[in-house]
Amino acid sequence: MNKTIEVRVPATSANLGPGFDCLGLALDLFNTFRMTIGAPFAIEVTGESSERLPRGEENAVVQAMRRVFEDAEMPLDALPTFSLHLDNQIPVSSGLGSSASAIVGGIVLGNAVIQQVAPNRVRSLARLLELATEMEGHPDNVAPALFGGCVLAFRDKIGLRTTPVPIPDGLRFVAATPDFALSTEDARKVLPTVYPRAEVIDNVAQCARLMLALSTDNLDLLRGGLVDHLHEPYRRPLVPGAQEVAAAAVDAGALAVTISGAGPTLLAWCQAESAVTIADEMTLAWLNAGIPCRALSLRPAQTVTAARCFDTPT
C-alpha cells in the first residue's frame, strides 16, 4: 500500500475593494492536490488551464513543498519519492488566487509529509502562513486560502498576524471571469507610488465601512459600491468591459462590485435570491463587449485547509 495525501484549497478574492493587500476571502471553488508517496516522480494536471501548468519540478506546488522541507531542515535526498495529481478548477491569471492555491497546497502537502517522517519538525500554521506570504509576496490571498473565510492580515511588533472577519449568512458572491488572462505583475505595474492624501483618507473610511457592514450584518452599508482609490481606478482600464459589466450587476441587484485581486474577474456582492440573475446579466454584458465569460455564484469557504491521508493500493 502507498500513502496518499490530499489537500483541497479554495479560490480566493483579494483586496475586496478598499482592503488593498490586507483583506481576502475564501470562496467555495477548489483546487485539489493529491500526492502519492513512494510512486515514481510524475505530475498529472487536469481541469481548468491544465495545458498551461508545468509538469516538472518548476511547478509551484513542488516549489512550495521544497520550501517547507527546507524550513524544517529536512534533507531533500532523505525524502520519499512521490507523484502528484493536480485537479485545477481555479482559472489561472484570473484574480481568483490560483497561485496562492498552489503555494498553500504545496506547503500543506509538504507539512503532511514531514508529519509522516519527522513529526517533531512539523511547522505551525503561523509558520506556514509566513512561508506562503514570503513566496506569494503578500498575505491577502494566502491567508484566506490557508485559514478559510474572510481574513484581515497585518503586521505589528509581534509579526505577521491574521484575524477572521465575520461574513453575513445571506451574502453571496458572483465571480464573473472573462476569457482572457491578466498577470498580477502587469496589474501592479500600473499602480502609482504616491497617492493624494484625501484619497488615502477616504480609502481608510471605505475600508472601515466594509468592516462595519460585515461585522454587524448591515448589508445596506455596502449599497452604492465599495469605493477604492488605491488600485481599482488604475486596473479597471486593463479589463475591457469592466464598467459595463459592473453596471449590469448593480442593475440586477448587486450590492457592490469589486475587482477580484488583480483582475480580470469581477466580484459582485449580493444576496442569495439575486445571484443567478446577476450571473446571467454579467455574462451577457461581457458577451455584448465581444468577450466570453464564465460567471459562478459562490459562497464563502469557511474551513481551514488541511491534509487528508489514506492508503492506496500499489
C-alpha atoms as a PDB file:
ATOM      1  CA  MET A   1       0.000   0.000   0.000  1.00  0.00           C
ATOM      2  CA  ASN A   2       1.114   3.545  -0.747  1.00  0.00           C
ATOM      3  CA  LYS A   3       0.256   6.515   1.436  1.00  0.00           C
ATOM      4  CA  THR A   4      -1.757   9.201  -0.367  1.00  0.00           C
ATOM      5  CA  ILE A   5      -2.153  12.757   0.928  1.00  0.00           C
ATOM      6  CA  GLU A   6      -4.899  15.016  -0.410  1.00  0.00           C
ATOM      7  CA  VAL A   7      -5.375  18.752   0.084  1.00  0.00           C
ATOM      8  CA  ARG A   8      -8.246  20.937  -1.181  1.00  0.00           C
ATOM      9  CA  VAL A   9      -7.500  24.663  -1.374  1.00  0.00           C
ATOM     10  CA  PRO A  10     -10.170  27.291  -2.078  1.00  0.00           C
ATOM     11  CA  ALA A  11     -10.173  30.096  -4.580  1.00  0.00           C
ATOM     12  CA  THR A  12      -9.691  33.498  -3.006  1.00  0.00           C
ATOM     13  CA  SER A  13     -10.646  37.070  -3.792  1.00  0.00           C
ATOM     14  CA  ALA A  14      -8.114  39.585  -2.503  1.00  0.00           C
ATOM     15  CA  ASN A  15      -8.485  43.295  -1.694  1.00  0.00           C
ATOM     16  CA  LEU A  16     -12.308  43.293  -1.589  1.00  0.00           C
ATOM     17  CA  GLY A  17     -12.307  46.848  -2.875  1.00  0.00           C
ATOM     18  CA  PRO A  18     -10.667  49.178  -0.327  1.00  0.00           C
ATOM     19  CA  GLY A  19      -8.792  46.455   1.604  1.00  0.00           C
ATOM     20  CA  PHE A  20      -5.781  46.556  -0.720  1.00  0.00           C
ATOM     21  CA  ASP A  21      -3.161  43.908   0.135  1.00  0.00           C
ATOM     22  CA  CYS A  22      -4.699  43.183   3.557  1.00  0.00           C
ATOM     23  CA  LEU A  23      -8.194  41.694   3.081  1.00  0.00           C
ATOM     24  CA  GLY A  24      -9.111  38.456   1.367  1.00  0.00           C
ATOM     25  CA  LEU A  25     -11.992  36.000   1.124  1.00  0.00           C
ATOM     26  CA  ALA A  26     -12.023  32.240   0.503  1.00  0.00           C
ATOM     27  CA  LEU A  27     -14.676  31.021  -1.961  1.00  0.00           C
ATOM     28  CA  ASP A  28     -16.122  27.548  -2.486  1.00  0.00           C
ATOM     29  CA  LEU A  29     -14.280  26.756  -5.717  1.00  0.00           C
ATOM     30  CA  PHE A  30     -11.416  24.349  -5.053  1.00  0.00           C
ATOM     31  CA  ASN A  31      -8.166  23.035  -6.476  1.00  0.00           C
ATOM     32  CA  THR A  32      -7.379  19.502  -5.293  1.00  0.00           C
ATOM     33  CA  PHE A  33      -3.784  18.323  -4.871  1.00  0.00           C
ATOM     34  CA  ARG A  34      -3.192  14.590  -4.406  1.00  0.00           C
ATOM     35  CA  MET A  35       0.259  13.221  -3.600  1.00  0.00           C
ATOM     36  CA  THR A  36       1.135   9.516  -3.631  1.00  0.00           C
ATOM     37  CA  ILE A  37       4.215   8.742  -1.539  1.00  0.00           C
ATOM     38  CA  GLY A  38       6.532   6.059  -2.882  1.00  0.00           C
ATOM     39  CA  ALA A  39       5.432   6.409  -6.505  1.00  0.00           C
ATOM     40  CA  PRO A  40       7.908   7.463  -9.224  1.00  0.00           C
ATOM     41  CA  PHE A  41       8.069  11.241  -9.682  1.00  0.00           C
ATOM     42  CA  ALA A  42       5.397  12.460 -12.078  1.00  0.00           C
ATOM     43  CA  ILE A  43       2.914  15.330 -12.240  1.00  0.00           C
ATOM     44  CA  GLU A  44      -0.507  14.931 -13.825  1.00  0.00           C
ATOM     45  CA  VAL A  45      -2.646  18.052 -14.259  1.00  0.00           C
ATOM     46  CA  THR A  46      -6.337  18.031 -15.116  1.00  0.00           C
ATOM     47  CA  GLY A  47      -9.067  20.647 -15.217  1.00  0.00           C
ATOM     48  CA  GLU A  48      -9.015  24.404 -15.787  1.00  0.00           C
ATOM     49  CA  SER A  49      -5.980  25.810 -17.663  1.00  0.00           C
ATOM     50  CA  SER A  50      -4.273  22.413 -17.304  1.00  0.00           C
ATOM     51  CA  GLU A  51      -2.325  22.855 -20.546  1.00  0.00           C
ATOM     52  CA  ARG A  52      -0.612  25.966 -19.125  1.00  0.00           C
ATOM     53  CA  LEU A  53       0.728  24.396 -15.921  1.00  0.00           C
ATOM     54  CA  PRO A  54       4.241  22.873 -15.735  1.00  0.00           C
ATOM     55  CA  ARG A  55       4.752  19.152 -15.138  1.00  0.00           C
ATOM     56  CA  GLY A  56       8.292  19.364 -13.758  1.00  0.00           C
ATOM     57  CA  GLU A  57       9.985  20.466 -10.555  1.00  0.00           C
ATOM     58  CA  GLU A  58       9.373  24.108 -11.511  1.00  0.00           C
ATOM     59  CA  ASN A  59       5.683  23.544 -10.710  1.00  0.00           C
ATOM     60  CA  ALA A  60       4.611  25.940  -7.921  1.00  0.00           C
ATOM     61  CA  VAL A  61       3.244  23.090  -5.793  1.00  0.00           C
ATOM     62  CA  VAL A  62       6.598  21.303  -5.859  1.00  0.00           C
ATOM     63  CA  GLN A  63       8.459  24.540  -5.140  1.00  0.00           C
ATOM     64  CA  ALA A  64       6.232  25.199  -2.116  1.00  0.00           C
ATOM     65  CA  MET A  65       6.799  21.660  -0.839  1.00  0.00           C
ATOM     66  CA  ARG A  66      10.545  22.165  -1.142  1.00  0.00           C
ATOM     67  CA  ARG A  67      10.319  25.452   0.748  1.00  0.00           C
ATOM     68  CA  VAL A  68       8.619  23.880   3.759  1.00  0.00           C
ATOM     69  CA  PHE A  69      11.118  20.978   3.712  1.00  0.00           C
ATOM     70  CA  GLU A  70      13.983  23.489   3.765  1.00  0.00           C
ATOM     71  CA  ASP A  71      12.363  25.424   6.596  1.00  0.00           C
ATOM     72  CA  ALA A  72      12.090  22.214   8.604  1.00  0.00           C
ATOM     73  CA  GLU A  73      15.758  21.461   7.806  1.00  0.00           C
ATOM     74  CA  MET A  74      14.779  18.224   6.111  1.00  0.00           C
ATOM     75  CA  PRO A  75      17.451  16.951   3.696  1.00  0.00           C
ATOM     76  CA  LEU A  76      15.759  16.597   0.332  1.00  0.00           C
ATOM     77  CA  ASP A  77      17.569  13.368  -0.509  1.00  0.00           C
ATOM     78  CA  ALA A  78      16.085  11.769   2.618  1.00  0.00           C
ATOM     79  CA  LEU A  79      12.516  12.368   1.474  1.00  0.00           C
ATOM     80  CA  PRO A  80      10.478   9.678  -0.280  1.00  0.00           C
ATOM     81  CA  THR A  81       9.683   9.806  -3.984  1.00  0.00           C
ATOM     82  CA  PHE A  82       6.178  10.908  -4.890  1.00  0.00           C
ATOM     83  CA  SER A  83       3.760  11.577  -7.715  1.00  0.00           C
ATOM     84  CA  LEU A  84       1.261  14.437  -7.875  1.00  0.00           C
ATOM     85  CA  HIS A  85      -2.187  14.746  -9.384  1.00  0.00           C
ATOM     86  CA  LEU A  86      -3.393  18.339  -9.577  1.00  0.00           C
ATOM     87  CA  ASP A  87      -7.081  18.878 -10.338  1.00  0.00           C
ATOM     88  CA  ASN A  88      -7.304  22.561 -11.213  1.00  0.00           C
ATOM     89  CA  GLN A  89     -10.703  24.270 -11.004  1.00  0.00           C
ATOM     90  CA  ILE A  90      -9.478  27.841 -10.385  1.00  0.00           C
ATOM     91  CA  PRO A  91      -8.713  29.723 -13.629  1.00  0.00           C
ATOM     92  CA  VAL A  92      -5.074  30.792 -13.961  1.00  0.00           C
ATOM     93  CA  SER A  93      -4.231  34.535 -14.006  1.00  0.00           C
ATOM     94  CA  SER A  94      -7.868  35.356 -13.301  1.00  0.00           C
ATOM     95  CA  GLY A  95      -7.714  37.179  -9.964  1.00  0.00           C
ATOM     96  CA  LEU A  96      -9.084  34.195  -8.032  1.00  0.00           C
ATOM     97  CA  GLY A  97      -5.899  33.175  -6.261  1.00  0.00           C
ATOM     98  CA  SER A  98      -4.657  30.324  -8.447  1.00  0.00           C
ATOM     99  CA  SER A  99      -1.014  30.936  -7.477  1.00  0.00           C
ATOM    100  CA  ALA A 100      -1.915  31.225  -3.781  1.00  0.00           C
ATOM    101  CA  SER A 101      -3.806  27.944  -4.065  1.00  0.00           C
ATOM    102  CA  ALA A 102      -0.739  26.201  -5.484  1.00  0.00           C
ATOM    103  CA  ILE A 103       1.547  27.663  -2.813  1.00  0.00           C
ATOM    104  CA  VAL A 104      -0.765  26.801   0.086  1.00  0.00           C
ATOM    105  CA  GLY A 105      -1.445  23.357  -1.390  1.00  0.00           C
ATOM    106  CA  GLY A 106       2.271  22.616  -1.682  1.00  0.00           C
ATOM    107  CA  ILE A 107       3.115  23.902   1.782  1.00  0.00           C
ATOM    108  CA  VAL A 108       0.315  21.909   3.440  1.00  0.00           C
ATOM    109  CA  LEU A 109       1.274  18.785   1.457  1.00  0.00           C
ATOM    110  CA  GLY A 110       4.914  19.213   2.452  1.00  0.00           C
ATOM    111  CA  ASN A 111       3.998  19.666   6.094  1.00  0.00           C
ATOM    112  CA  ALA A 112       1.903  16.491   5.950  1.00  0.00           C
ATOM    113  CA  VAL A 113       4.922  14.580   4.621  1.00  0.00           C
ATOM    114  CA  ILE A 114       7.003  15.945   7.496  1.00  0.00           C
ATOM    115  CA  GLN A 115       4.285  14.721   9.876  1.00  0.00           C
ATOM    116  CA  GLN A 116       4.762  11.225   8.422  1.00  0.00           C
ATOM    117  CA  VAL A 117       8.567  11.056   8.512  1.00  0.00           C
ATOM    118  CA  ALA A 118       9.673  13.509  11.245  1.00  0.00           C
ATOM    119  CA  PRO A 119       6.725  14.627  13.428  1.00  0.00           C
ATOM    120  CA  ASN A 120       8.941  16.725  15.687  1.00  0.00           C
ATOM    121  CA  ARG A 121       9.696  19.037  12.743  1.00  0.00           C
ATOM    122  CA  VAL A 122       6.115  19.837  11.753  1.00  0.00           C
ATOM    123  CA  ARG A 123       5.599  23.551  11.040  1.00  0.00           C
ATOM    124  CA  SER A 124       2.872  25.528  12.825  1.00  0.00           C
ATOM    125  CA  LEU A 125       0.026  27.188  10.903  1.00  0.00           C
ATOM    126  CA  ALA A 126       1.542  30.576  11.741  1.00  0.00           C
ATOM    127  CA  ARG A 127       4.846  29.491  10.219  1.00  0.00           C
ATOM    128  CA  LEU A 128       3.096  28.091   7.144  1.00  0.00           C
ATOM    129  CA  LEU A 129       1.454  31.493   6.674  1.00  0.00           C
ATOM    130  CA  GLU A 130       4.843  33.225   6.870  1.00  0.00           C
ATOM    131  CA  LEU A 131       6.304  30.843   4.277  1.00  0.00           C
ATOM    132  CA  ALA A 132       3.325  31.220   1.946  1.00  0.00           C
ATOM    133  CA  THR A 133       3.438  35.020   2.240  1.00  0.00           C
ATOM    134  CA  GLU A 134       7.172  35.001   1.539  1.00  0.00           C
ATOM    135  CA  MET A 135       6.558  33.029  -1.673  1.00  0.00           C
ATOM    136  CA  GLU A 136       3.472  34.972  -2.807  1.00  0.00           C
ATOM    137  CA  GLY A 137       4.751  38.422  -1.796  1.00  0.00           C
ATOM    138  CA  HIS A 138       1.675  39.487   0.184  1.00  0.00           C
ATOM    139  CA  PRO A 139      -0.796  37.726   2.515  1.00  0.00           C
ATOM    140  CA  ASP A 140      -4.210  38.760   1.189  1.00  0.00           C
ATOM    141  CA  ASN A 141      -4.693  35.594  -0.900  1.00  0.00           C
ATOM    142  CA  VAL A 142      -2.659  33.020   1.006  1.00  0.00           C
ATOM    143  CA  ALA A 143      -4.213  33.869   4.402  1.00  0.00           C
ATOM    144  CA  PRO A 144      -7.817  33.044   3.399  1.00  0.00           C
ATOM    145  CA  ALA A 145      -6.575  30.123   1.286  1.00  0.00           C
ATOM    146  CA  LEU A 146      -4.990  28.673   4.426  1.00  0.00           C
ATOM    147  CA  PHE A 147      -7.492  29.674   7.115  1.00  0.00           C
ATOM    148  CA  GLY A 148     -10.771  29.955   5.177  1.00  0.00           C
ATOM    149  CA  GLY A 149     -13.410  32.660   5.495  1.00  0.00           C
ATOM    150  CA  CYS A 150     -12.706  36.369   5.278  1.00  0.00           C
ATOM    151  CA  VAL A 151      -9.341  37.321   6.747  1.00  0.00           C
ATOM    152  CA  LEU A 152      -7.621  40.574   7.667  1.00  0.00           C
ATOM    153  CA  ALA A 153      -3.817  40.245   7.580  1.00  0.00           C
ATOM    154  CA  PHE A 154      -1.477  42.776   9.148  1.00  0.00           C
ATOM    155  CA  ARG A 155       1.976  43.159  10.644  1.00  0.00           C
ATOM    156  CA  ASP A 156       2.814  44.589  14.056  1.00  0.00           C
ATOM    157  CA  LYS A 157       5.607  44.210  16.609  1.00  0.00           C
ATOM    158  CA  ILE A 158       4.671  40.558  17.030  1.00  0.00           C
ATOM    159  CA  GLY A 159       4.978  39.843  13.305  1.00  0.00           C
ATOM    160  CA  LEU A 160       2.524  38.779  10.598  1.00  0.00           C
ATOM    161  CA  ARG A 161      -0.903  38.185  12.098  1.00  0.00           C
ATOM    162  CA  THR A 162      -4.421  37.476  10.890  1.00  0.00           C
ATOM    163  CA  THR A 163      -7.883  37.879  12.304  1.00  0.00           C
ATOM    164  CA  PRO A 164     -11.144  36.486  10.911  1.00  0.00           C
ATOM    165  CA  VAL A 165     -13.820  38.866   9.670  1.00  0.00           C
ATOM    166  CA  PRO A 166     -17.409  37.585  10.007  1.00  0.00           C
ATOM    167  CA  ILE A 167     -19.434  37.148   6.813  1.00  0.00           C
ATOM    168  CA  PRO A 168     -23.235  37.561   6.977  1.00  0.00           C
ATOM    169  CA  ASP A 169     -25.061  34.290   6.264  1.00  0.00           C
ATOM    170  CA  GLY A 170     -27.114  35.662   3.392  1.00  0.00           C
ATOM    171  CA  LEU A 171     -24.207  37.152   1.452  1.00  0.00           C
ATOM    172  CA  ARG A 172     -23.263  35.541  -1.856  1.00  0.00           C
ATOM    173  CA  PHE A 173     -20.610  36.363  -4.421  1.00  0.00           C
ATOM    174  CA  VAL A 174     -20.817  36.119  -8.198  1.00  0.00           C
ATOM    175  CA  ALA A 175     -17.370  35.718  -9.737  1.00  0.00           C
ATOM    176  CA  ALA A 176     -17.529  36.689 -13.413  1.00  0.00           C
ATOM    177  CA  THR A 177     -14.329  35.722 -15.219  1.00  0.00           C
ATOM    178  CA  PRO A 178     -13.799  36.927 -18.807  1.00  0.00           C
ATOM    179  CA  ASP A 179     -11.928  34.749 -21.261  1.00  0.00           C
ATOM    180  CA  PHE A 180      -8.562  36.474 -21.039  1.00  0.00           C
ATOM    181  CA  ALA A 181      -5.709  36.420 -18.537  1.00  0.00           C
ATOM    182  CA  LEU A 182      -4.182  39.321 -16.606  1.00  0.00           C
ATOM    183  CA  SER A 183      -0.994  38.731 -14.656  1.00  0.00           C
ATOM    184  CA  THR A 184      -0.563  40.188 -11.177  1.00  0.00           C
ATOM    185  CA  GLU A 185       2.803  41.573 -12.273  1.00  0.00           C
ATOM    186  CA  ASP A 186       1.236  43.576 -15.104  1.00  0.00           C
ATOM    187  CA  ALA A 187      -1.584  44.782 -12.846  1.00  0.00           C
ATOM    188  CA  ARG A 188       0.921  46.021 -10.243  1.00  0.00           C
ATOM    189  CA  LYS A 189       2.990  47.911 -12.801  1.00  0.00           C
ATOM    190  CA  VAL A 190       0.182  50.413 -13.380  1.00  0.00           C
ATOM    191  CA  LEU A 191      -0.111  51.418  -9.707  1.00  0.00           C
ATOM    192  CA  PRO A 192       1.351  54.781  -8.636  1.00  0.00           C
ATOM    193  CA  THR A 193       3.924  55.100  -5.875  1.00  0.00           C
ATOM    194  CA  VAL A 194       2.347  58.253  -4.368  1.00  0.00           C
ATOM    195  CA  TYR A 195      -1.337  58.965  -3.667  1.00  0.00           C
ATOM    196  CA  PRO A 196      -3.167  62.207  -2.749  1.00  0.00           C
ATOM    197  CA  ARG A 197      -3.836  62.453   0.981  1.00  0.00           C
ATOM    198  CA  ALA A 198      -7.594  62.929   0.511  1.00  0.00           C
ATOM    199  CA  GLU A 199      -7.841  59.686  -1.456  1.00  0.00           C
ATOM    200  CA  VAL A 200      -5.934  57.747   1.197  1.00  0.00           C
ATOM    201  CA  ILE A 201      -8.175  59.156   3.937  1.00  0.00           C
ATOM    202  CA  ASP A 202     -11.290  58.170   2.005  1.00  0.00           C
ATOM    203  CA  ASN A 203      -9.875  54.684   1.425  1.00  0.00           C
ATOM    204  CA  VAL A 204      -9.485  54.260   5.189  1.00  0.00           C
ATOM    205  CA  ALA A 205     -13.115  55.325   5.626  1.00  0.00           C
ATOM    206  CA  GLN A 206     -14.300  52.951   2.904  1.00  0.00           C
ATOM    207  CA  CYS A 207     -12.418  50.027   4.452  1.00  0.00           C
ATOM    208  CA  ALA A 208     -13.906  50.846   7.862  1.00  0.00           C
ATOM    209  CA  ARG A 209     -17.335  50.954   6.232  1.00  0.00           C
ATOM    210  CA  LEU A 210     -16.763  47.492   4.745  1.00  0.00           C
ATOM    211  CA  MET A 211     -15.597  46.010   8.044  1.00  0.00           C
ATOM    212  CA  LEU A 212     -18.585  47.516   9.860  1.00  0.00           C
ATOM    213  CA  ALA A 213     -21.032  46.204   7.259  1.00  0.00           C
ATOM    214  CA  LEU A 214     -19.665  42.670   7.563  1.00  0.00           C
ATOM    215  CA  SER A 215     -19.248  42.558  11.328  1.00  0.00           C
ATOM    216  CA  THR A 216     -22.729  43.973  12.056  1.00  0.00           C
ATOM    217  CA  ASP A 217     -24.587  42.133   9.260  1.00  0.00           C
ATOM    218  CA  ASN A 218     -25.645  45.506   7.836  1.00  0.00           C
ATOM    219  CA  LEU A 219     -25.643  44.887   4.095  1.00  0.00           C
ATOM    220  CA  ASP A 220     -27.204  48.299   3.418  1.00  0.00           C
ATOM    221  CA  LEU A 221     -23.775  49.773   4.181  1.00  0.00           C
ATOM    222  CA  LEU A 222     -22.494  48.022   1.058  1.00  0.00           C
ATOM    223  CA  ARG A 223     -25.038  49.652  -1.237  1.00  0.00           C
ATOM    224  CA  GLY A 224     -23.649  52.308  -3.509  1.00  0.00           C
ATOM    225  CA  GLY A 225     -20.460  50.360  -4.036  1.00  0.00           C
ATOM    226  CA  LEU A 226     -17.174  49.888  -2.240  1.00  0.00           C
ATOM    227  CA  VAL A 227     -15.084  52.835  -3.363  1.00  0.00           C
ATOM    228  CA  ASP A 228     -11.339  52.296  -3.730  1.00  0.00           C
ATOM    229  CA  HIS A 229      -8.664  54.808  -4.730  1.00  0.00           C
ATOM    230  CA  LEU A 230      -5.500  52.708  -4.399  1.00  0.00           C
ATOM    231  CA  HIS A 231      -5.749  50.085  -7.131  1.00  0.00           C
ATOM    232  CA  GLU A 232      -9.129  49.765  -8.867  1.00  0.00           C
ATOM    233  CA  PRO A 233      -9.028  53.076 -10.832  1.00  0.00           C
ATOM    234  CA  TYR A 234      -5.676  52.051 -12.329  1.00  0.00           C
ATOM    235  CA  ARG A 235      -6.554  48.412 -13.021  1.00  0.00           C
ATOM    236  CA  ARG A 236     -10.043  48.916 -14.434  1.00  0.00           C
ATOM    237  CA  PRO A 237      -8.709  50.090 -17.843  1.00  0.00           C
ATOM    238  CA  LEU A 238      -6.862  46.750 -18.103  1.00  0.00           C
ATOM    239  CA  VAL A 239     -10.229  44.937 -18.036  1.00  0.00           C
ATOM    240  CA  PRO A 240     -12.222  45.716 -21.213  1.00  0.00           C
ATOM    241  CA  GLY A 241     -15.930  45.991 -20.479  1.00  0.00           C
ATOM    242  CA  ALA A 242     -15.469  46.272 -16.708  1.00  0.00           C
ATOM    243  CA  GLN A 243     -17.595  49.410 -16.343  1.00  0.00           C
ATOM    244  CA  GLU A 244     -20.493  47.964 -18.323  1.00  0.00           C
ATOM    245  CA  VAL A 245     -20.367  44.582 -16.574  1.00  0.00           C
ATOM    246  CA  ALA A 246     -20.297  46.187 -13.120  1.00  0.00           C
ATOM    247  CA  ALA A 247     -23.241  48.422 -14.050  1.00  0.00           C
ATOM    248  CA  ALA A 248     -25.199  45.399 -15.293  1.00  0.00           C
ATOM    249  CA  ALA A 249     -24.569  43.624 -11.991  1.00  0.00           C
ATOM    250  CA  VAL A 250     -25.790  46.597  -9.945  1.00  0.00           C
ATOM    251  CA  ASP A 251     -28.877  46.973 -12.153  1.00  0.00           C
ATOM    252  CA  ALA A 252     -29.616  43.275 -11.497  1.00  0.00           C
ATOM    253  CA  GLY A 253     -29.442  43.764  -7.733  1.00  0.00           C
ATOM    254  CA  ALA A 254     -25.771  43.581  -6.721  1.00  0.00           C
ATOM    255  CA  LEU A 255     -24.869  45.485  -3.567  1.00  0.00           C
ATOM    256  CA  ALA A 256     -21.364  46.237  -4.835  1.00  0.00           C
ATOM    257  CA  VAL A 257     -18.856  45.064  -7.442  1.00  0.00           C
ATOM    258  CA  THR A 258     -15.115  44.818  -6.842  1.00  0.00           C
ATOM    259  CA  ILE A 259     -12.163  43.715  -8.935  1.00  0.00           C
ATOM    260  CA  SER A 260     -11.117  40.324  -7.625  1.00  0.00           C
ATOM    261  CA  GLY A 261      -7.431  40.501  -6.794  1.00  0.00           C
ATOM    262  CA  ALA A 262      -5.542  41.940  -9.741  1.00  0.00           C
ATOM    263  CA  GLY A 263      -8.397  41.021 -12.121  1.00  0.00           C
ATOM    264  CA  PRO A 264      -9.797  40.424 -14.621  1.00  0.00           C
ATOM    265  CA  THR A 265     -12.523  38.644 -12.587  1.00  0.00           C
ATOM    266  CA  LEU A 266     -15.203  40.966 -11.237  1.00  0.00           C
ATOM    267  CA  LEU A 267     -16.827  40.007  -7.937  1.00  0.00           C
ATOM    268  CA  ALA A 268     -20.452  41.003  -7.387  1.00  0.00           C
ATOM    269  CA  TRP A 269     -21.583  41.114  -3.762  1.00  0.00           C
ATOM    270  CA  CYS A 270     -25.238  40.156  -3.493  1.00  0.00           C
ATOM    271  CA  GLN A 271     -27.997  38.430  -1.595  1.00  0.00           C
ATOM    272  CA  ALA A 272     -28.712  34.798  -2.389  1.00  0.00           C
ATOM    273  CA  GLU A 273     -32.010  35.385  -4.193  1.00  0.00           C
ATOM    274  CA  SER A 274     -30.448  37.651  -6.829  1.00  0.00           C
ATOM    275  CA  ALA A 275     -27.232  35.692  -7.521  1.00  0.00           C
ATOM    276  CA  VAL A 276     -28.447  33.737 -10.582  1.00  0.00           C
ATOM    277  CA  THR A 277     -29.882  36.827 -12.279  1.00  0.00           C
ATOM    278  CA  ILE A 278     -26.702  38.792 -11.595  1.00  0.00           C
ATOM    279  CA  ALA A 279     -24.550  35.989 -13.037  1.00  0.00           C
ATOM    280  CA  ASP A 280     -26.666  35.929 -16.210  1.00  0.00           C
ATOM    281  CA  GLU A 281     -26.553  39.713 -16.642  1.00  0.00           C
ATOM    282  CA  MET A 282     -22.788  39.933 -16.096  1.00  0.00           C
ATOM    283  CA  THR A 283     -22.233  37.168 -18.645  1.00  0.00           C
ATOM    284  CA  LEU A 284     -24.484  38.925 -21.162  1.00  0.00           C
ATOM    285  CA  ALA A 285     -22.763  42.280 -20.630  1.00  0.00           C
ATOM    286  CA  TRP A 286     -19.365  40.773 -21.361  1.00  0.00           C
ATOM    287  CA  LEU A 287     -20.714  38.920 -24.393  1.00  0.00           C
ATOM    288  CA  ASN A 288     -22.050  42.246 -25.664  1.00  0.00           C
ATOM    289  CA  ALA A 289     -18.456  43.505 -25.433  1.00  0.00           C
ATOM    290  CA  GLY A 290     -17.363  40.528 -27.541  1.00  0.00           C
ATOM    291  CA  ILE A 291     -15.763  38.633 -24.643  1.00  0.00           C
ATOM    292  CA  PRO A 292     -16.873  35.162 -23.494  1.00  0.00           C
ATOM    293  CA  CYS A 293     -17.307  34.894 -19.733  1.00  0.00           C
ATOM    294  CA  ARG A 294     -17.943  32.303 -17.035  1.00  0.00           C
ATOM    295  CA  ALA A 295     -19.940  33.505 -14.022  1.00  0.00           C
ATOM    296  CA  LEU A 296     -20.246  31.421 -10.853  1.00  0.00           C
ATOM    297  CA  SER A 297     -22.409  32.003  -7.792  1.00  0.00           C
ATOM    298  CA  LEU A 298     -20.182  31.206  -4.819  1.00  0.00           C
ATOM    299  CA  ARG A 299     -20.404  31.014  -1.043  1.00  0.00           C
ATOM    300  CA  PRO A 300     -17.586  31.762   1.396  1.00  0.00           C
ATOM    301  CA  ALA A 301     -15.402  28.703   2.095  1.00  0.00           C
ATOM    302  CA  GLN A 302     -15.090  28.632   5.866  1.00  0.00           C
ATOM    303  CA  THR A 303     -12.802  25.676   6.683  1.00  0.00           C
ATOM    304  CA  VAL A 304      -9.078  25.644   7.429  1.00  0.00           C
ATOM    305  CA  THR A 305      -7.069  23.940   4.678  1.00  0.00           C
ATOM    306  CA  ALA A 306      -5.795  20.608   5.998  1.00  0.00           C
ATOM    307  CA  ALA A 307      -4.342  17.384   4.622  1.00  0.00           C
ATOM    308  CA  ARG A 308      -6.270  14.117   4.434  1.00  0.00           C
ATOM    309  CA  CYS A 309      -4.151  10.950   4.498  1.00  0.00           C
ATOM    310  CA  PHE A 310      -5.249   7.492   3.327  1.00  0.00           C
ATOM    311  CA  ASP A 311      -3.799   4.267   1.935  1.00  0.00           C
ATOM    312  CA  THR A 312      -3.997   3.364  -1.759  1.00  0.00           C
ATOM    313  CA  PRO A 313      -3.121   0.071  -3.477  1.00  0.00           C
ATOM    314  CA  THR A 314       0.278  -0.055  -5.178  1.00  0.00           C
END
